[in-house]
C-alpha atoms as a PDB file:
ATOM      1  CA  MET A   1       2.067 -25.548  53.467  1.00  0.00           C
ATOM      2  CA  LEU A   2       5.803 -25.347  52.777  1.00  0.00           C
ATOM      3  CA  LYS A   3       5.514 -27.831  49.882  1.00  0.00           C
ATOM      4  CA  LYS A   4       2.685 -25.777  48.321  1.00  0.00           C
ATOM      5  CA  GLU A   5       4.785 -22.584  48.516  1.00  0.00           C
ATOM      6  CA  LYS A   6       7.728 -24.344  46.764  1.00  0.00           C
ATOM      7  CA  THR A   7       5.408 -25.540  43.980  1.00  0.00           C
ATOM      8  CA  MET A   8       3.984 -22.024  43.565  1.00  0.00           C
ATOM      9  CA  GLY A   9       7.513 -20.584  43.457  1.00  0.00           C
ATOM     10  CA  LYS A  10       8.577 -23.066  40.760  1.00  0.00           C
ATOM     11  CA  ARG A  11       5.485 -22.294  38.702  1.00  0.00           C
ATOM     12  CA  PHE A  12       6.137 -18.561  38.998  1.00  0.00           C
ATOM     13  CA  ILE A  13       9.775 -18.994  37.893  1.00  0.00           C
ATOM     14  CA  TRP A  14       8.647 -21.209  35.000  1.00  0.00           C
ATOM     15  CA  PHE A  15       6.028 -18.608  33.984  1.00  0.00           C
ATOM     16  CA  ILE A  16       8.630 -15.789  34.022  1.00  0.00           C
ATOM     17  CA  PHE A  17      11.062 -17.936  31.992  1.00  0.00           C
ATOM     18  CA  VAL A  18       8.422 -18.730  29.324  1.00  0.00           C
ATOM     19  CA  LEU A  19       7.275 -15.112  29.155  1.00  0.00           C
ATOM     20  CA  PHE A  20      10.839 -13.824  28.790  1.00  0.00           C
ATOM     21  CA  SER A  21      11.579 -16.440  26.098  1.00  0.00           C
ATOM     22  CA  LEU A  22       8.518 -15.439  24.086  1.00  0.00           C
ATOM     23  CA  LEU A  23       9.382 -11.751  24.320  1.00  0.00           C
ATOM     24  CA  LEU A  24      12.952 -12.457  23.216  1.00  0.00           C
ATOM     25  CA  LEU A  25      11.773 -14.612  20.321  1.00  0.00           C
ATOM     26  CA  PHE A  26       9.275 -11.964  19.184  1.00  0.00           C
ATOM     27  CA  SER A  27      11.782  -9.118  19.363  1.00  0.00           C
ATOM     28  CA  CYS A  28      14.390 -11.118  17.448  1.00  0.00           C
ATOM     29  CA  SER A  29      11.907 -11.853  14.678  1.00  0.00           C
ATOM     30  CA  LEU A  30      11.392  -8.108  14.127  1.00  0.00           C
ATOM     31  CA  ILE A  31      15.057  -7.214  13.775  1.00  0.00           C
ATOM     32  CA  ARG A  32      17.490  -8.153  11.016  1.00  0.00           C
ATOM     33  CA  LYS A  33      21.095  -9.023  11.672  1.00  0.00           C
ATOM     34  CA  ASN A  34      22.224  -5.491  10.853  1.00  0.00           C
ATOM     35  CA  GLY A  35      19.728  -4.047  13.339  1.00  0.00           C
ATOM     36  CA  GLU A  36      17.268  -2.868  10.693  1.00  0.00           C
ATOM     37  CA  LYS A  37      13.566  -3.586  11.174  1.00  0.00           C
ATOM     38  CA  ILE A  38      12.042  -6.093   8.792  1.00  0.00           C
ATOM     39  CA  LYS A  39       9.399  -4.465   6.651  1.00  0.00           C
ATOM     40  CA  ASP A  40       7.111  -6.701   4.663  1.00  0.00           C
ATOM     41  CA  THR A  41       5.091  -3.944   3.034  1.00  0.00           C
ATOM     42  CA  GLY A  42       5.403  -1.486   0.195  1.00  0.00           C
ATOM     43  CA  ASN A  43       3.386   1.379  -1.284  1.00  0.00           C
ATOM     44  CA  ILE A  44       1.354   2.128  -4.397  1.00  0.00           C
ATOM     45  CA  ALA A  45       1.210   5.715  -5.621  1.00  0.00           C
ATOM     46  CA  GLY A  46       0.008   7.408  -8.740  1.00  0.00           C
ATOM     47  CA  VAL A  47      -2.249   9.844 -10.513  1.00  0.00           C
ATOM     48  CA  VAL A  48      -5.801   9.689 -11.886  1.00  0.00           C
ATOM     49  CA  PHE A  49      -6.495  11.610 -15.119  1.00  0.00           C
ATOM     50  CA  ASP A  50      -9.582  12.320 -17.221  1.00  0.00           C
ATOM     51  CA  SER A  51      -8.836  10.537 -20.516  1.00  0.00           C
ATOM     52  CA  GLN A  52     -10.512  13.259 -22.611  1.00  0.00           C
ATOM     53  CA  THR A  53      -8.960  16.391 -21.113  1.00  0.00           C
ATOM     54  CA  MET A  54      -5.906  14.768 -19.472  1.00  0.00           C
ATOM     55  CA  GLN A  55      -6.644  16.896 -16.411  1.00  0.00           C
ATOM     56  CA  PRO A  56      -6.095  15.343 -12.974  1.00  0.00           C
ATOM     57  CA  LEU A  57      -9.267  13.985 -11.361  1.00  0.00           C
ATOM     58  CA  ALA A  58      -9.913  14.843  -7.736  1.00  0.00           C
ATOM     59  CA  GLY A  59     -11.999  12.559  -5.550  1.00  0.00           C
ATOM     60  CA  ALA A  60     -11.526   9.344  -7.523  1.00  0.00           C
ATOM     61  CA  VAL A  61     -11.665   6.295  -5.275  1.00  0.00           C
ATOM     62  CA  VAL A  62      -8.610   4.061  -5.668  1.00  0.00           C
ATOM     63  CA  TYR A  63      -8.499   0.664  -3.979  1.00  0.00           C
ATOM     64  CA  ILE A  64      -7.163  -2.869  -4.217  1.00  0.00           C
ATOM     65  CA  GLU A  65      -9.675  -5.302  -5.709  1.00  0.00           C
ATOM     66  CA  GLY A  66     -11.036  -7.632  -3.062  1.00  0.00           C
ATOM     67  CA  MET A  67      -9.639  -5.439  -0.285  1.00  0.00           C
ATOM     68  CA  GLN A  68     -11.927  -2.427  -0.187  1.00  0.00           C
ATOM     69  CA  THR A  69     -10.554  -1.541   3.231  1.00  0.00           C
ATOM     70  CA  ILE A  70      -7.248  -0.644   1.576  1.00  0.00           C
ATOM     71  CA  GLY A  71      -8.091   2.416  -0.448  1.00  0.00           C
ATOM     72  CA  THR A  72      -8.001   6.169  -0.707  1.00  0.00           C
ATOM     73  CA  LYS A  73      -9.315   9.115  -2.725  1.00  0.00           C
ATOM     74  CA  SER A  74      -7.250  11.136  -5.145  1.00  0.00           C
ATOM     75  CA  ASP A  75      -6.468  14.656  -3.983  1.00  0.00           C
ATOM     76  CA  SER A  76      -7.168  17.905  -5.844  1.00  0.00           C
ATOM     77  CA  LEU A  77      -4.215  17.190  -8.165  1.00  0.00           C
ATOM     78  CA  GLY A  78      -5.336  13.634  -8.911  1.00  0.00           C
ATOM     79  CA  ARG A  79      -2.613  12.098  -6.730  1.00  0.00           C
ATOM     80  CA  PHE A  80      -3.139   9.081  -4.508  1.00  0.00           C
ATOM     81  CA  TRP A  81      -1.039   7.058  -2.093  1.00  0.00           C
ATOM     82  CA  LEU A  82      -1.717   3.574  -0.698  1.00  0.00           C
ATOM     83  CA  SER A  83       0.698   2.802   2.116  1.00  0.00           C
ATOM     84  CA  ASN A  84       1.633  -0.341   4.019  1.00  0.00           C
ATOM     85  CA  VAL A  85       0.394  -2.721   1.333  1.00  0.00           C
ATOM     86  CA  ARG A  86       1.521  -6.312   1.875  1.00  0.00           C
ATOM     87  CA  LEU A  87       3.996  -7.660  -0.672  1.00  0.00           C
ATOM     88  CA  GLY A  88       2.417  -9.335  -3.667  1.00  0.00           C
ATOM     89  CA  GLU A  89       0.614  -8.758  -6.942  1.00  0.00           C
ATOM     90  CA  TYR A  90      -2.689  -6.876  -7.036  1.00  0.00           C
ATOM     91  CA  LYS A  91      -5.444  -5.490  -9.245  1.00  0.00           C
ATOM     92  CA  ILE A  92      -5.890  -1.785  -8.522  1.00  0.00           C
ATOM     93  CA  LEU A  93      -9.180  -0.072  -9.339  1.00  0.00           C
ATOM     94  CA  ALA A  94     -10.079   3.593  -9.756  1.00  0.00           C
ATOM     95  CA  GLN A  95     -13.640   4.852  -9.973  1.00  0.00           C
ATOM     96  CA  LYS A  96     -15.494   8.115  -9.976  1.00  0.00           C
ATOM     97  CA  ILE A  97     -19.130   8.973 -10.593  1.00  0.00           C
ATOM     98  CA  THR A  98     -19.894   9.399 -14.346  1.00  0.00           C
ATOM     99  CA  PHE A  99     -16.621   7.619 -15.255  1.00  0.00           C
ATOM    100  CA  HIS A 100     -15.965   3.969 -16.068  1.00  0.00           C
ATOM    101  CA  THR A 101     -14.262   1.988 -13.325  1.00  0.00           C
ATOM    102  CA  THR A 102     -10.746   1.284 -14.527  1.00  0.00           C
ATOM    103  CA  ARG A 103      -8.695  -1.716 -13.426  1.00  0.00           C
ATOM    104  CA  ILE A 104      -4.955  -2.216 -13.670  1.00  0.00           C
ATOM    105  CA  SER A 105      -3.846  -5.823 -13.208  1.00  0.00           C
ATOM    106  CA  ASN A 106      -0.555  -7.315 -12.081  1.00  0.00           C
ATOM    107  CA  VAL A 107       0.636  -4.359 -10.027  1.00  0.00           C
ATOM    108  CA  LYS A 108       3.506  -5.725  -7.980  1.00  0.00           C
ATOM    109  CA  VAL A 109       4.316  -4.433  -4.509  1.00  0.00           C
ATOM    110  CA  PHE A 110       7.910  -4.885  -3.411  1.00  0.00           C
ATOM    111  CA  ASN A 111       9.506  -4.593  -0.008  1.00  0.00           C
ATOM    112  CA  ASP A 112       9.982  -1.017   1.203  1.00  0.00           C
ATOM    113  CA  SER A 113       9.366   0.408  -2.314  1.00  0.00           C
ATOM    114  CA  THR A 114       6.683   2.363  -4.145  1.00  0.00           C
ATOM    115  CA  SER A 115       4.983   1.131  -7.309  1.00  0.00           C
ATOM    116  CA  ILE A 116       3.756   3.903  -9.622  1.00  0.00           C
ATOM    117  CA  VAL A 117       0.364   3.598 -11.349  1.00  0.00           C
ATOM    118  CA  VAL A 118      -1.346   5.985 -13.799  1.00  0.00           C
ATOM    119  CA  PHE A 119      -5.107   5.836 -14.374  1.00  0.00           C
ATOM    120  CA  ARG A 120      -6.935   7.426 -17.293  1.00  0.00           C
ATOM    121  CA  LEU A 121     -10.672   7.340 -16.571  1.00  0.00           C
ATOM    122  CA  CYS A 122     -13.189   7.579 -19.420  1.00  0.00           C
ATOM    123  CA  ILE A 123     -16.507   9.347 -19.157  1.00  0.00           C
ATOM    124  CA  ALA A 124     -19.156   6.617 -19.415  1.00  0.00           C
ATOM    125  CA  ALA A 125     -21.471   8.573 -21.748  1.00  0.00           C
ATOM    126  CA  ILE A 126     -18.700   9.427 -24.238  1.00  0.00           C
ATOM    127  CA  GLU A 127     -16.674   6.225 -24.274  1.00  0.00           C
ATOM    128  CA  PRO A 128     -19.015   3.317 -23.492  1.00  0.00           C
ATOM    129  CA  TRP A 129     -16.276   0.706 -24.043  1.00  0.00           C
ATOM    130  CA  GLY A 130     -14.190   2.035 -21.170  1.00  0.00           C
ATOM    131  CA  CYS A 131     -10.480   2.633 -21.088  1.00  0.00           C
ATOM    132  CA  SER A 132      -7.420   1.524 -19.192  1.00  0.00           C
ATOM    133  CA  GLY A 133      -4.566   2.593 -17.034  1.00  0.00           C
ATOM    134  CA  GLU A 134      -0.977   1.520 -16.920  1.00  0.00           C
ATOM    135  CA  TRP A 135       1.639   0.177 -14.630  1.00  0.00           C
ATOM    136  CA  ASP A 136       5.036   0.289 -16.277  1.00  0.00           C
ATOM    137  CA  ASP A 137       6.962  -1.750 -13.695  1.00  0.00           C
ATOM    138  CA  LYS A 138       8.337   1.497 -12.309  1.00  0.00           C
ATOM    139  CA  ILE A 139       9.428   0.872  -8.749  1.00  0.00           C
ATOM    140  CA  ILE A 140      11.029   3.619  -6.695  1.00  0.00           C
ATOM    141  CA  LYS A 141      12.178   3.998  -3.126  1.00  0.00           C
ATOM    142  CA  THR A 142      10.372   7.038  -1.820  1.00  0.00           C
ATOM    143  CA  ASP A 143       8.006   8.280   0.808  1.00  0.00           C
ATOM    144  CA  SER A 144       4.747  10.093   0.096  1.00  0.00           C
ATOM    145  CA  ILE A 145       6.235  13.579   0.501  1.00  0.00           C
ATOM    146  CA  SER A 146       9.075  12.895  -1.948  1.00  0.00           C
ATOM    147  CA  PHE A 147       6.657  11.305  -4.411  1.00  0.00           C
ATOM    148  CA  PHE A 148       4.346  14.292  -4.377  1.00  0.00           C
ATOM    149  CA  ARG A 149       7.261  16.721  -4.727  1.00  0.00           C
ATOM    150  CA  THR A 150       9.200  14.982  -7.513  1.00  0.00           C
ATOM    151  CA  GLN A 151       7.634  11.923  -9.173  1.00  0.00           C
ATOM    152  CA  TYR A 152       4.211  13.529  -9.533  1.00  0.00           C
ATOM    153  CA  LYS A 153       5.630  16.345 -11.670  1.00  0.00           C
ATOM    154  CA  ASP A 154       7.181  13.785 -14.017  1.00  0.00           C
ATOM    155  CA  LEU A 155       3.916  11.874 -14.346  1.00  0.00           C
ATOM    156  CA  VAL A 156       1.990  15.033 -15.220  1.00  0.00           C
ATOM    157  CA  LYS A 157       4.609  16.048 -17.811  1.00  0.00           C
ATOM    158  CA  ASN A 158       4.503  12.597 -19.444  1.00  0.00           C
ATOM    159  CA  LYS A 159       0.711  12.153 -19.395  1.00  0.00           C
END
C-alpha cells in the first residue's frame, strides 16, 4: 500500500509540474518582452456610397469574401467597421438589394491598424456593368470611435 501511495504522489507532482509548465508557456507566448500583448489582428473600416447620388447607403452588407461570418451592415451614415480581422490580404464585398455587389481586392490588414475602404455601389437597373470601390493603401491606427468621429468626415468630404 505504501508503494502505491508513493507512485500516486509522484504522478500528482509530475501532473502539477506539467500543468504549471504549460500555463507558463502559454502566458509567455501572449506577452512581448516589453509587457505588451501580442495582437495579430487589425480592422477594416469605411463608407458605402450610392454612386449616382454620392449619398451614404445604410444597411449595405459588407463582408470578407469566403468568410461570410466576418461581416457587418453599414449604419445610417453608410459607415462600417470590421474588427479583429486576422492579418493578411482580403477581397471585401459590399452588397445591397437593387445595387450591384461591389468587390475590392487586395485590401491588406496590418497588425493593430485600420485599413480604410470606400465603396460606391451602382444601381443595377441604371448601370448594368457595375462599378467599383477603392482601397488607397490608407492605414491608420485608430479605434472605431475615433474613426467615426474624425476619419469618416474626411471620407465624406472627399467622396
